[in-house]
Amino acid sequence: MNSLIRLWNFLIDSIVIVVCIMLASYFLKDIVSQEQMKIGGIIFYYVYYFVMESTLGQTIGKIFTKSKVVDVKNKGRPKFIQIFIRTLSRLIPVDFVSYLFNKQGIHDYFSKTKLIKN
């Protein structure tokens, strides 16, 4: 998968996540502290990727770029555990830039998944 498409996926998903967090911050400002909102934002980041990829095989960024996550072996829908490992691998600090230097990102490598054109 082209590094430019992966960059677009990352940028679009980041915008979606930031907008969701900003909306939550606005509507919950009287209920939730800033510290709780920061922690909630971090959790939301990982939940977003996990839920979107485990249910649709795509995030909003991937929908826009017409790409999806598949199992490396059978090129079909990844198993639950693969998406879980893929999501956990995003905790690795250099993961988000790993695919700029290699065709396969760290989260792809550990989860035995890859992106393909839809």
PDB file of N, CA and C in Angstrom:
ATOM      1  N   MET A   1       0.855  -1.179   0.000  1.00  0.00           N
ATOM      2  CA  MET A   1       0.000   0.000   0.000  1.00  0.00           C
ATOM      3  C   MET A   1       0.894   1.233   0.000  1.00  0.00           C
ATOM      4  N   ASN A   2       0.557   2.167  -0.792  1.00  0.00           N
ATOM      5  CA  ASN A   2       1.284   3.421  -0.963  1.00  0.00           C
ATOM      6  C   ASN A   2       1.379   4.191   0.361  1.00  0.00           C
ATOM      7  N   SER A   3       2.580   4.707   0.675  1.00  0.00           N
ATOM      8  CA  SER A   3       2.787   5.478   1.905  1.00  0.00           C
ATOM      9  C   SER A   3       1.945   6.739   1.931  1.00  0.00           C
ATOM     10  N   LEU A   4       1.686   7.328   0.767  1.00  0.00           N
ATOM     11  CA  LEU A   4       0.864   8.536   0.695  1.00  0.00           C
ATOM     12  C   LEU A   4      -0.578   8.238   1.102  1.00  0.00           C
ATOM     13  N   ILE A   5      -1.093   7.088   0.684  1.00  0.00           N
ATOM     14  CA  ILE A   5      -2.454   6.700   1.083  1.00  0.00           C
ATOM     15  C   ILE A   5      -2.506   6.473   2.588  1.00  0.00           C
ATOM     16  N   ARG A   6      -1.482   5.840   3.131  1.00  0.00           N
ATOM     17  CA  ARG A   6      -1.435   5.620   4.586  1.00  0.00           C
ATOM     18  C   ARG A   6      -1.378   6.952   5.331  1.00  0.00           C
ATOM     19  N   LEU A   7      -0.646   7.905   4.783  1.00  0.00           N
ATOM     20  CA  LEU A   7      -0.577   9.228   5.397  1.00  0.00           C
ATOM     21  C   LEU A   7      -1.946   9.891   5.370  1.00  0.00           C
ATOM     22  N   TRP A   8      -2.643   9.795   4.256  1.00  0.00           N
ATOM     23  CA  TRP A   8      -4.000  10.347   4.174  1.00  0.00           C
ATOM     24  C   TRP A   8      -4.925   9.669   5.188  1.00  0.00           C
ATOM     25  N   ASN A   9      -4.823   8.340   5.292  1.00  0.00           N
ATOM     26  CA  ASN A   9      -5.625   7.617   6.293  1.00  0.00           C
ATOM     27  C   ASN A   9      -5.376   8.195   7.684  1.00  0.00           C
ATOM     28  N   PHE A  10      -4.111   8.348   8.023  1.00  0.00           N
ATOM     29  CA  PHE A  10      -3.724   8.860   9.343  1.00  0.00           C
ATOM     30  C   PHE A  10      -4.258  10.276   9.561  1.00  0.00           C
ATOM     31  N   LEU A  11      -4.096  11.138   8.563  1.00  0.00           N
ATOM     32  CA  LEU A  11      -4.546  12.533   8.698  1.00  0.00           C
ATOM     33  C   LEU A  11      -6.061  12.631   8.833  1.00  0.00           C
ATOM     34  N   ILE A  12      -6.789  11.916   7.991  1.00  0.00           N
ATOM     35  CA  ILE A  12      -8.254  11.948   8.052  1.00  0.00           C
ATOM     36  C   ILE A  12      -8.739  11.392   9.383  1.00  0.00           C
ATOM     37  N   ASP A  13      -8.202  10.254   9.791  1.00  0.00           N
ATOM     38  CA  ASP A  13      -8.602   9.665  11.074  1.00  0.00           C
ATOM     39  C   ASP A  13      -8.249  10.593  12.240  1.00  0.00           C
ATOM     40  N   SER A  14      -7.112  11.239  12.168  1.00  0.00           N
ATOM     41  CA  SER A  14      -6.714  12.170  13.229  1.00  0.00           C
ATOM     42  C   SER A  14      -7.682  13.345  13.320  1.00  0.00           C
ATOM     43  N   ILE A  15      -8.112  13.856  12.178  1.00  0.00           N
ATOM     44  CA  ILE A  15      -9.087  14.955  12.170  1.00  0.00           C
ATOM     45  C   ILE A  15     -10.404  14.493  12.777  1.00  0.00           C
ATOM     46  N   VAL A  16     -10.863  13.314  12.394  1.00  0.00           N
ATOM     47  CA  VAL A  16     -12.111  12.768  12.942  1.00  0.00           C
ATOM     48  C   VAL A  16     -12.000  12.621  14.458  1.00  0.00           C
ATOM     49  N   ILE A  17     -10.902  12.078  14.920  1.00  0.00           N
ATOM     50  CA  ILE A  17     -10.699  11.867  16.356  1.00  0.00           C
ATOM     51  C   ILE A  17     -10.662  13.200  17.099  1.00  0.00           C
ATOM     52  N   VAL A  18      -9.928  14.172  16.573  1.00  0.00           N
ATOM     53  CA  VAL A  18      -9.824  15.488  17.225  1.00  0.00           C
ATOM     54  C   VAL A  18     -11.182  16.169  17.277  1.00  0.00           C
ATOM     55  N   VAL A  19     -11.943  16.107  16.194  1.00  0.00           N
ATOM     56  CA  VAL A  19     -13.277  16.727  16.178  1.00  0.00           C
ATOM     57  C   VAL A  19     -14.176  16.064  17.217  1.00  0.00           C
ATOM     58  N   CYS A  20     -14.145  14.741  17.303  1.00  0.00           N
ATOM     59  CA  CYS A  20     -14.959  14.026  18.302  1.00  0.00           C
ATOM     60  C   CYS A  20     -14.562  14.424  19.720  1.00  0.00           C
ATOM     61  N   ILE A  21     -13.272  14.525  19.973  1.00  0.00           N
ATOM     62  CA  ILE A  21     -12.798  14.903  21.305  1.00  0.00           C
ATOM     63  C   ILE A  21     -13.181  16.350  21.622  1.00  0.00           C
ATOM     64  N   MET A  22     -13.065  17.231  20.628  1.00  0.00           N
ATOM     65  CA  MET A  22     -13.457  18.632  20.846  1.00  0.00           C
ATOM     66  C   MET A  22     -14.948  18.747  21.146  1.00  0.00           C
ATOM     67  N   LEU A  23     -15.772  18.004  20.428  1.00  0.00           N
ATOM     68  CA  LEU A  23     -17.212  18.020  20.684  1.00  0.00           C
ATOM     69  C   LEU A  23     -17.516  17.483  22.083  1.00  0.00           C
ATOM     70  N   ALA A  24     -16.866  16.384  22.441  1.00  0.00           N
ATOM     71  CA  ALA A  24     -17.063  15.822  23.786  1.00  0.00           C
ATOM     72  C   ALA A  24     -16.615  16.821  24.847  1.00  0.00           C
ATOM     73  N   SER A  25     -15.503  17.491  24.622  1.00  0.00           N
ATOM     74  CA  SER A  25     -14.999  18.492  25.575  1.00  0.00           C
ATOM     75  C   SER A  25     -15.999  19.621  25.749  1.00  0.00           C
ATOM     76  N   TYR A  26     -16.571  20.056  24.651  1.00  0.00           N
ATOM     77  CA  TYR A  26     -17.535  21.159  24.706  1.00  0.00           C
ATOM     78  C   TYR A  26     -18.788  20.756  25.479  1.00  0.00           C
ATOM     79  N   PHE A  27     -19.341  19.596  25.141  1.00  0.00           N
ATOM     80  CA  PHE A  27     -20.592  19.176  25.762  1.00  0.00           C
ATOM     81  C   PHE A  27     -20.423  18.643  27.193  1.00  0.00           C
ATOM     82  N   LEU A  28     -19.233  18.205  27.534  1.00  0.00           N
ATOM     83  CA  LEU A  28     -19.001  17.637  28.861  1.00  0.00           C
ATOM     84  C   LEU A  28     -18.167  18.538  29.772  1.00  0.00           C
ATOM     85  N   LYS A  29     -17.926  19.777  29.348  1.00  0.00           N
ATOM     86  CA  LYS A  29     -17.019  20.657  30.096  1.00  0.00           C
ATOM     87  C   LYS A  29     -17.440  20.898  31.535  1.00  0.00           C
ATOM     88  N   ASP A  30     -18.743  20.859  31.824  1.00  0.00           N
ATOM     89  CA  ASP A  30     -19.215  21.093  33.187  1.00  0.00           C
ATOM     90  C   ASP A  30     -19.278  19.805  34.012  1.00  0.00           C
ATOM     91  N   ILE A  31     -19.090  18.676  33.359  1.00  0.00           N
ATOM     92  CA  ILE A  31     -19.219  17.385  34.021  1.00  0.00           C
ATOM     93  C   ILE A  31     -17.868  16.710  34.257  1.00  0.00           C
ATOM     94  N   VAL A  32     -16.958  16.877  33.297  1.00  0.00           N
ATOM     95  CA  VAL A  32     -15.687  16.151  33.294  1.00  0.00           C
ATOM     96  C   VAL A  32     -14.529  17.136  33.407  1.00  0.00           C
ATOM     97  N   SER A  33     -13.535  16.795  34.223  1.00  0.00           N
ATOM     98  CA  SER A  33     -12.358  17.657  34.367  1.00  0.00           C
ATOM     99  C   SER A  33     -11.468  17.568  33.127  1.00  0.00           C
ATOM    100  N   GLN A  34     -10.560  18.524  32.999  1.00  0.00           N
ATOM    101  CA  GLN A  34      -9.626  18.525  31.870  1.00  0.00           C
ATOM    102  C   GLN A  34      -8.764  17.263  31.880  1.00  0.00           C
ATOM    103  N   GLU A  35      -8.322  16.858  33.047  1.00  0.00           N
ATOM    104  CA  GLU A  35      -7.491  15.650  33.162  1.00  0.00           C
ATOM    105  C   GLU A  35      -8.266  14.414  32.708  1.00  0.00           C
ATOM    106  N   GLN A  36      -9.519  14.309  33.127  1.00  0.00           N
ATOM    107  CA  GLN A  36     -10.355  13.185  32.705  1.00  0.00           C
ATOM    108  C   GLN A  36     -10.584  13.214  31.200  1.00  0.00           C
ATOM    109  N   MET A  37     -10.731  14.410  30.647  1.00  0.00           N
ATOM    110  CA  MET A  37     -10.953  14.550  29.210  1.00  0.00           C
ATOM    111  C   MET A  37      -9.711  14.111  28.431  1.00  0.00           C
ATOM    112  N   LYS A  38      -8.522  14.427  28.940  1.00  0.00           N
ATOM    113  CA  LYS A  38      -7.279  13.996  28.280  1.00  0.00           C
ATOM    114  C   LYS A  38      -7.184  12.477  28.261  1.00  0.00           C
ATOM    115  N   ILE A  39      -7.458  11.869  29.391  1.00  0.00           N
ATOM    116  CA  ILE A  39      -7.413  10.404  29.483  1.00  0.00           C
ATOM    117  C   ILE A  39      -8.481   9.801  28.574  1.00  0.00           C
ATOM    118  N   GLY A  40      -9.667  10.386  28.587  1.00  0.00           N
ATOM    119  CA  GLY A  40     -10.750   9.923  27.719  1.00  0.00           C
ATOM    120  C   GLY A  40     -10.387  10.041  26.249  1.00  0.00           C
ATOM    121  N   GLY A  41      -9.681  11.103  25.891  1.00  0.00           N
ATOM    122  CA  GLY A  41      -9.257  11.297  24.506  1.00  0.00           C
ATOM    123  C   GLY A  41      -8.279  10.232  24.060  1.00  0.00           C
ATOM    124  N   ILE A  42      -7.360   9.885  24.931  1.00  0.00           N
ATOM    125  CA  ILE A  42      -6.380   8.836  24.616  1.00  0.00           C
ATOM    126  C   ILE A  42      -7.088   7.493  24.451  1.00  0.00           C
ATOM    127  N   ILE A  43      -7.998   7.207  25.354  1.00  0.00           N
ATOM    128  CA  ILE A  43      -8.755   5.953  25.268  1.00  0.00           C
ATOM    129  C   ILE A  43      -9.596   5.931  23.992  1.00  0.00           C
ATOM    130  N   PHE A  44     -10.226   7.073  23.683  1.00  0.00           N
ATOM    131  CA  PHE A  44     -11.062   7.158  22.482  1.00  0.00           C
ATOM    132  C   PHE A  44     -10.249   6.853  21.227  1.00  0.00           C
ATOM    133  N   TYR A  45      -9.022   7.332  21.159  1.00  0.00           N
ATOM    134  CA  TYR A  45      -8.139   7.090  20.010  1.00  0.00           C
ATOM    135  C   TYR A  45      -8.034   5.591  19.712  1.00  0.00           C
ATOM    136  N   TYR A  46      -7.748   4.811  20.726  1.00  0.00           N
ATOM    137  CA  TYR A  46      -7.576   3.370  20.541  1.00  0.00           C
ATOM    138  C   TYR A  46      -8.905   2.658  20.314  1.00  0.00           C
ATOM    139  N   VAL A  47      -9.939   3.091  21.015  1.00  0.00           N
ATOM    140  CA  VAL A  47     -11.264   2.491  20.827  1.00  0.00           C
ATOM    141  C   VAL A  47     -11.760   2.749  19.403  1.00  0.00           C
ATOM    142  N   TYR A  48     -11.521   3.957  18.887  1.00  0.00           N
ATOM    143  CA  TYR A  48     -11.913   4.305  17.514  1.00  0.00           C
ATOM    144  C   TYR A  48     -11.331   3.295  16.525  1.00  0.00           C
ATOM    145  N   TYR A  49     -10.019   3.102  16.583  1.00  0.00           N
ATOM    146  CA  TYR A  49      -9.380   2.172  15.653  1.00  0.00           C
ATOM    147  C   TYR A  49      -9.883   0.741  15.857  1.00  0.00           C
ATOM    148  N   PHE A  50      -9.997   0.326  17.106  1.00  0.00           N
ATOM    149  CA  PHE A  50     -10.417  -1.042  17.382  1.00  0.00           C
ATOM    150  C   PHE A  50     -11.835  -1.304  16.884  1.00  0.00           C
ATOM    151  N   VAL A  51     -12.764  -0.441  17.219  1.00  0.00           N
ATOM    152  CA  VAL A  51     -14.162  -0.647  16.833  1.00  0.00           C
ATOM    153  C   VAL A  51     -14.340  -0.558  15.320  1.00  0.00           C
ATOM    154  N   MET A  52     -13.764   0.458  14.706  1.00  0.00           N
ATOM    155  CA  MET A  52     -13.926   0.636  13.259  1.00  0.00           C
ATOM    156  C   MET A  52     -13.309  -0.528  12.482  1.00  0.00           C
ATOM    157  N   GLU A  53     -12.097  -0.920  12.848  1.00  0.00           N
ATOM    158  CA  GLU A  53     -11.432  -1.985  12.095  1.00  0.00           C
ATOM    159  C   GLU A  53     -12.009  -3.364  12.402  1.00  0.00           C
ATOM    160  N   SER A  54     -12.507  -3.577  13.616  1.00  0.00           N
ATOM    161  CA  SER A  54     -13.065  -4.891  13.932  1.00  0.00           C
ATOM    162  C   SER A  54     -14.474  -5.060  13.367  1.00  0.00           C
ATOM    163  N   THR A  55     -15.206  -3.971  13.188  1.00  0.00           N
ATOM    164  CA  THR A  55     -16.563  -4.089  12.652  1.00  0.00           C
ATOM    165  C   THR A  55     -16.619  -3.906  11.138  1.00  0.00           C
ATOM    166  N   LEU A  56     -15.910  -2.913  10.625  1.00  0.00           N
ATOM    167  CA  LEU A  56     -15.982  -2.600   9.191  1.00  0.00           C
ATOM    168  C   LEU A  56     -14.735  -3.008   8.407  1.00  0.00           C
ATOM    169  N   GLY A  57     -13.636  -3.237   9.118  1.00  0.00           N
ATOM    170  CA  GLY A  57     -12.369  -3.481   8.436  1.00  0.00           C
ATOM    171  C   GLY A  57     -11.770  -2.191   7.907  1.00  0.00           C
ATOM    172  N   GLN A  58     -12.377  -1.080   8.251  1.00  0.00           N
ATOM    173  CA  GLN A  58     -11.961   0.233   7.773  1.00  0.00           C
ATOM    174  C   GLN A  58     -12.227   1.286   8.839  1.00  0.00           C
ATOM    175  N   THR A  59     -11.418   2.342   8.800  1.00  0.00           N
ATOM    176  CA  THR A  59     -11.716   3.547   9.566  1.00  0.00           C
ATOM    177  C   THR A  59     -12.278   4.553   8.572  1.00  0.00           C
ATOM    178  N   ILE A  60     -12.666   5.705   9.040  1.00  0.00           N
ATOM    179  CA  ILE A  60     -13.193   6.726   8.133  1.00  0.00           C
ATOM    180  C   ILE A  60     -12.125   7.133   7.109  1.00  0.00           C
ATOM    181  N   GLY A  61     -10.880   7.235   7.546  1.00  0.00           N
ATOM    182  CA  GLY A  61      -9.798   7.540   6.618  1.00  0.00           C
ATOM    183  C   GLY A  61      -9.661   6.487   5.532  1.00  0.00           C
ATOM    184  N   LYS A  62      -9.771   5.232   5.917  1.00  0.00           N
ATOM    185  CA  LYS A  62      -9.660   4.141   4.949  1.00  0.00           C
ATOM    186  C   LYS A  62     -10.859   4.115   4.006  1.00  0.00           C
ATOM    187  N   ILE A  63     -12.023   4.497   4.497  1.00  0.00           N
ATOM    188  CA  ILE A  63     -13.204   4.577   3.631  1.00  0.00           C
ATOM    189  C   ILE A  63     -12.971   5.618   2.535  1.00  0.00           C
ATOM    190  N   PHE A  64     -12.432   6.784   2.921  1.00  0.00           N
ATOM    191  CA  PHE A  64     -12.160   7.843   1.949  1.00  0.00           C
ATOM    192  C   PHE A  64     -11.104   7.438   0.925  1.00  0.00           C
ATOM    193  N   THR A  65     -10.105   6.693   1.349  1.00  0.00           N
ATOM    194  CA  THR A  65      -9.033   6.294   0.422  1.00  0.00           C
ATOM    195  C   THR A  65      -9.300   4.935  -0.219  1.00  0.00           C
ATOM    196  N   LYS A  66     -10.471   4.386   0.054  1.00  0.00           N
ATOM    197  CA  LYS A  66     -10.881   3.098  -0.527  1.00  0.00           C
ATOM    198  C   LYS A  66      -9.861   1.993  -0.249  1.00  0.00           C
ATOM    199  N   SER A  67      -9.504   1.863   1.014  1.00  0.00           N
ATOM    200  CA  SER A  67      -8.602   0.796   1.435  1.00  0.00           C
ATOM    201  C   SER A  67      -9.201   0.090   2.643  1.00  0.00           C
ATOM    202  N   LYS A  68      -8.751  -1.119   2.906  1.00  0.00           N
ATOM    203  CA  LYS A  68      -9.270  -1.863   4.058  1.00  0.00           C
ATOM    204  C   LYS A  68      -8.199  -2.779   4.617  1.00  0.00           C
ATOM    205  N   VAL A  69      -8.409  -3.203   5.854  1.00  0.00           N
ATOM    206  CA  VAL A  69      -7.499  -4.095   6.559  1.00  0.00           C
ATOM    207  C   VAL A  69      -7.910  -5.535   6.254  1.00  0.00           C
ATOM    208  N   VAL A  70      -6.913  -6.354   5.904  1.00  0.00           N
ATOM    209  CA  VAL A  70      -7.173  -7.773   5.653  1.00  0.00           C
ATOM    210  C   VAL A  70      -6.108  -8.629   6.325  1.00  0.00           C
ATOM    211  N   ASP A  71      -6.428  -9.882   6.498  1.00  0.00           N
ATOM    212  CA  ASP A  71      -5.486 -10.880   6.999  1.00  0.00           C
ATOM    213  C   ASP A  71      -4.437 -11.132   5.916  1.00  0.00           C
ATOM    214  N   VAL A  72      -3.168 -11.211   6.294  1.00  0.00           N
ATOM    215  CA  VAL A  72      -2.085 -11.408   5.329  1.00  0.00           C
ATOM    216  C   VAL A  72      -2.235 -12.742   4.594  1.00  0.00           C
ATOM    217  N   LYS A  73      -2.617 -13.796   5.319  1.00  0.00           N
ATOM    218  CA  LYS A  73      -2.661 -15.139   4.726  1.00  0.00           C
ATOM    219  C   LYS A  73      -3.782 -15.301   3.705  1.00  0.00           C
ATOM    220  N   ASN A  74      -5.009 -15.007   4.138  1.00  0.00           N
ATOM    221  CA  ASN A  74      -6.146 -15.296   3.252  1.00  0.00           C
ATOM    222  C   ASN A  74      -6.762 -14.056   2.602  1.00  0.00           C
ATOM    223  N   LYS A  75      -6.206 -12.900   2.892  1.00  0.00           N
ATOM    224  CA  LYS A  75      -6.692 -11.623   2.354  1.00  0.00           C
ATOM    225  C   LYS A  75      -8.174 -11.391   2.663  1.00  0.00           C
ATOM    226  N   GLY A  76      -8.661 -12.100   3.681  1.00  0.00           N
ATOM    227  CA  GLY A  76     -10.038 -11.918   4.135  1.00  0.00           C
ATOM    228  C   GLY A  76     -10.075 -11.070   5.392  1.00  0.00           C
ATOM    229  N   ARG A  77     -11.225 -11.034   6.006  1.00  0.00           N
ATOM    230  CA  ARG A  77     -11.425 -10.247   7.220  1.00  0.00           C
ATOM    231  C   ARG A  77     -10.513 -10.755   8.338  1.00  0.00           C
ATOM    232  N   PRO A  78      -9.787  -9.849   8.998  1.00  0.00           N
ATOM    233  CA  PRO A  78      -8.914 -10.275  10.104  1.00  0.00           C
ATOM    234  C   PRO A  78      -9.730 -10.789  11.291  1.00  0.00           C
ATOM    235  N   LYS A  79      -9.114 -11.660  12.055  1.00  0.00           N
ATOM    236  CA  LYS A  79      -9.749 -12.175  13.266  1.00  0.00           C
ATOM    237  C   LYS A  79      -9.730 -11.101  14.359  1.00  0.00           C
ATOM    238  N   PHE A  80     -10.590 -11.282  15.341  1.00  0.00           N
ATOM    239  CA  PHE A  80     -10.693 -10.358  16.471  1.00  0.00           C
ATOM    240  C   PHE A  80      -9.327 -10.126  17.113  1.00  0.00           C
ATOM    241  N   ILE A  81      -8.596 -11.207  17.347  1.00  0.00           N
ATOM    242  CA  ILE A  81      -7.296 -11.101  18.019  1.00  0.00           C
ATOM    243  C   ILE A  81      -6.308 -10.307  17.171  1.00  0.00           C
ATOM    244  N   GLN A  82      -6.387 -10.423  15.860  1.00  0.00           N
ATOM    245  CA  GLN A  82      -5.496  -9.660  14.988  1.00  0.00           C
ATOM    246  C   GLN A  82      -5.772  -8.151  15.108  1.00  0.00           C
ATOM    247  N   ILE A  83      -7.037  -7.786  15.151  1.00  0.00           N
ATOM    248  CA  ILE A  83      -7.382  -6.366  15.301  1.00  0.00           C
ATOM    249  C   ILE A  83      -6.975  -5.880  16.680  1.00  0.00           C
ATOM    250  N   PHE A  84      -7.133  -6.728  17.685  1.00  0.00           N
ATOM    251  CA  PHE A  84      -6.723  -6.373  19.037  1.00  0.00           C
ATOM    252  C   PHE A  84      -5.206  -6.114  19.082  1.00  0.00           C
ATOM    253  N   ILE A  85      -4.428  -7.015  18.494  1.00  0.00           N
ATOM    254  CA  ILE A  85      -2.964  -6.846  18.443  1.00  0.00           C
ATOM    255  C   ILE A  85      -2.607  -5.610  17.625  1.00  0.00           C
ATOM    256  N   ARG A  86      -3.301  -5.400  16.528  1.00  0.00           N
ATOM    257  CA  ARG A  86      -3.078  -4.223  15.672  1.00  0.00           C
ATOM    258  C   ARG A  86      -3.298  -2.942  16.475  1.00  0.00           C
ATOM    259  N   THR A  87      -4.357  -2.911  17.257  1.00  0.00           N
ATOM    260  CA  THR A  87      -4.669  -1.736  18.073  1.00  0.00           C
ATOM    261  C   THR A  87      -3.626  -1.542  19.167  1.00  0.00           C
ATOM    262  N   LEU A  88      -3.257  -2.615  19.861  1.00  0.00           N
ATOM    263  CA  LEU A  88      -2.225  -2.514  20.906  1.00  0.00           C
ATOM    264  C   LEU A  88      -0.890  -2.055  20.335  1.00  0.00           C
ATOM    265  N   SER A  89      -0.582  -2.487  19.126  1.00  0.00           N
ATOM    266  CA  SER A  89       0.682  -2.110  18.497  1.00  0.00           C
ATOM    267  C   SER A  89       0.762  -0.609  18.229  1.00  0.00           C
ATOM    268  N   ARG A  90      -0.369   0.035  18.158  1.00  0.00           N
ATOM    269  CA  ARG A  90      -0.392   1.493  17.956  1.00  0.00           C
ATOM    270  C   ARG A  90       0.163   2.231  19.183  1.00  0.00           C
ATOM    271  N   LEU A  91       0.305   1.526  20.303  1.00  0.00           N
ATOM    272  CA  LEU A  91       0.911   2.119  21.501  1.00  0.00           C
ATOM    273  C   LEU A  91       2.415   2.324  21.342  1.00  0.00           C
ATOM    274  N   ILE A  92       3.025   1.635  20.392  1.00  0.00           N
ATOM    275  CA  ILE A  92       4.461   1.774  20.151  1.00  0.00           C
ATOM    276  C   ILE A  92       4.700   3.179  19.586  1.00  0.00           C
ATOM    277  N   PRO A  93       5.532   3.971  20.244  1.00  0.00           N
ATOM    278  CA  PRO A  93       5.671   5.394  19.882  1.00  0.00           C
ATOM    279  C   PRO A  93       6.013   5.688  18.418  1.00  0.00           C
ATOM    280  N   VAL A  94       6.784   4.847  17.771  1.00  0.00           N
ATOM    281  CA  VAL A  94       7.174   5.132  16.388  1.00  0.00           C
ATOM    282  C   VAL A  94       6.265   4.458  15.363  1.00  0.00           C
ATOM    283  N   ASP A  95       5.199   3.827  15.824  1.00  0.00           N
ATOM    284  CA  ASP A  95       4.313   3.107  14.907  1.00  0.00           C
ATOM    285  C   ASP A  95       3.766   4.004  13.807  1.00  0.00           C
ATOM    286  N   PHE A  96       3.327   5.190  14.152  1.00  0.00           N
ATOM    287  CA  PHE A  96       2.650   6.044  13.171  1.00  0.00           C
ATOM    288  C   PHE A  96       3.551   6.522  12.041  1.00  0.00           C
ATOM    289  N   VAL A  97       4.852   6.409  12.202  1.00  0.00           N
ATOM    290  CA  VAL A  97       5.753   6.779  11.106  1.00  0.00           C
ATOM    291  C   VAL A  97       6.421   5.560  10.477  1.00  0.00           C
ATOM    292  N   SER A  98       6.214   4.385  11.051  1.00  0.00           N
ATOM    293  CA  SER A  98       6.909   3.184  10.562  1.00  0.00           C
ATOM    294  C   SER A  98       6.566   2.867   9.109  1.00  0.00           C
ATOM    295  N   TYR A  99       5.337   3.102   8.700  1.00  0.00           N
ATOM    296  CA  TYR A  99       4.956   2.763   7.329  1.00  0.00           C
ATOM    297  C   TYR A  99       5.474   3.754   6.303  1.00  0.00           C
ATOM    298  N   LEU A 100       6.051   4.853   6.734  1.00  0.00           N
ATOM    299  CA  LEU A 100       6.655   5.793   5.798  1.00  0.00           C
ATOM    300  C   LEU A 100       8.002   5.278   5.290  1.00  0.00           C
ATOM    301  N   PHE A 101       8.613   4.373   6.053  1.00  0.00           N
ATOM    302  CA  PHE A 101       9.924   3.846   5.696  1.00  0.00           C
ATOM    303  C   PHE A 101       9.875   2.394   5.235  1.00  0.00           C
ATOM    304  N   ASN A 102       8.715   1.802   5.312  1.00  0.00           N
ATOM    305  CA  ASN A 102       8.556   0.403   4.969  1.00  0.00           C
ATOM    306  C   ASN A 102       7.148   0.217   4.419  1.00  0.00           C
ATOM    307  N   LYS A 103       6.935  -0.777   3.591  1.00  0.00           N
ATOM    308  CA  LYS A 103       5.594  -1.023   3.060  1.00  0.00           C
ATOM    309  C   LYS A 103       4.635  -1.497   4.145  1.00  0.00           C
ATOM    310  N   GLN A 104       5.180  -2.056   5.196  1.00  0.00           N
ATOM    311  CA  GLN A 104       4.376  -2.619   6.266  1.00  0.00           C
ATOM    312  C   GLN A 104       4.657  -1.865   7.560  1.00  0.00           C
ATOM    313  N   GLY A 105       3.610  -1.360   8.201  1.00  0.00           N
ATOM    314  CA  GLY A 105       3.777  -0.678   9.473  1.00  0.00           C
ATOM    315  C   GLY A 105       3.969  -1.668  10.600  1.00  0.00           C
ATOM    316  N   ILE A 106       4.410  -1.168  11.733  1.00  0.00           N
ATOM    317  CA  ILE A 106       4.617  -2.032  12.901  1.00  0.00           C
ATOM    318  C   ILE A 106       3.316  -2.732  13.280  1.00  0.00           C
ATOM    319  N   HIS A 107       2.213  -1.979  13.271  1.00  0.00           N
ATOM    320  CA  HIS A 107       0.933  -2.591  13.654  1.00  0.00           C
ATOM    321  C   HIS A 107       0.480  -3.643  12.635  1.00  0.00           C
ATOM    322  N   ASP A 108       0.887  -3.506  11.374  1.00  0.00           N
ATOM    323  CA  ASP A 108       0.599  -4.532  10.367  1.00  0.00           C
ATOM    324  C   ASP A 108       1.441  -5.785  10.630  1.00  0.00           C
ATOM    325  N   TYR A 109       2.711  -5.569  10.908  1.00  0.00           N
ATOM    326  CA  TYR A 109       3.645  -6.670  11.103  1.00  0.00           C
ATOM    327  C   TYR A 109       3.230  -7.566  12.270  1.00  0.00           C
ATOM    328  N   PHE A 110       2.996  -6.973  13.425  1.00  0.00           N
ATOM    329  CA  PHE A 110       2.668  -7.766  14.609  1.00  0.00           C
ATOM    330  C   PHE A 110       1.306  -8.449  14.517  1.00  0.00           C
ATOM    331  N   SER A 111       0.366  -7.825  13.832  1.00  0.00           N
ATOM    332  CA  SER A 111      -0.983  -8.396  13.747  1.00  0.00           C
ATOM    333  C   SER A 111      -1.180  -9.301  12.538  1.00  0.00           C
ATOM    334  N   LYS A 112      -0.148  -9.384  11.683  1.00  0.00           N
ATOM    335  CA  LYS A 112      -0.231 -10.186  10.459  1.00  0.00           C
ATOM    336  C   LYS A 112      -1.417  -9.745   9.598  1.00  0.00           C
ATOM    337  N   THR A 113      -1.529  -8.410   9.458  1.00  0.00           N
ATOM    338  CA  THR A 113      -2.554  -7.814   8.609  1.00  0.00           C
ATOM    339  C   THR A 113      -1.880  -6.879   7.612  1.00  0.00           C
ATOM    340  N   LYS A 114      -2.640  -6.443   6.637  1.00  0.00           N
ATOM    341  CA  LYS A 114      -2.129  -5.450   5.702  1.00  0.00           C
ATOM    342  C   LYS A 114      -3.296  -4.658   5.137  1.00  0.00           C
ATOM    343  N   LEU A 115      -2.964  -3.546   4.492  1.00  0.00           N
ATOM    344  CA  LEU A 115      -3.967  -2.729   3.823  1.00  0.00           C
ATOM    345  C   LEU A 115      -3.966  -3.062   2.342  1.00  0.00           C
ATOM    346  N   ILE A 116      -5.168  -3.131   1.784  1.00  0.00           N
ATOM    347  CA  ILE A 116      -5.300  -3.325   0.347  1.00  0.00           C
ATOM    348  C   ILE A 116      -6.306  -2.304  -0.181  1.00  0.00           C
ATOM    349  N   LYS A 117      -6.280  -2.098  -1.477  1.00  0.00           N
ATOM    350  CA  LYS A 117      -7.291  -1.261  -2.106  1.00  0.00           C
ATOM    351  C   LYS A 117      -8.603  -2.015  -2.052  1.00  0.00           C
ATOM    352  N   ASN A 118      -9.667  -1.304  -1.747  1.00  0.00           N
ATOM    353  CA  ASN A 118     -10.988  -1.904  -1.605  1.00  0.00           C
ATOM    354  C   ASN A 118     -11.626  -2.123  -2.962  1.00  0.00           C
TER     355      ASN A 118
END
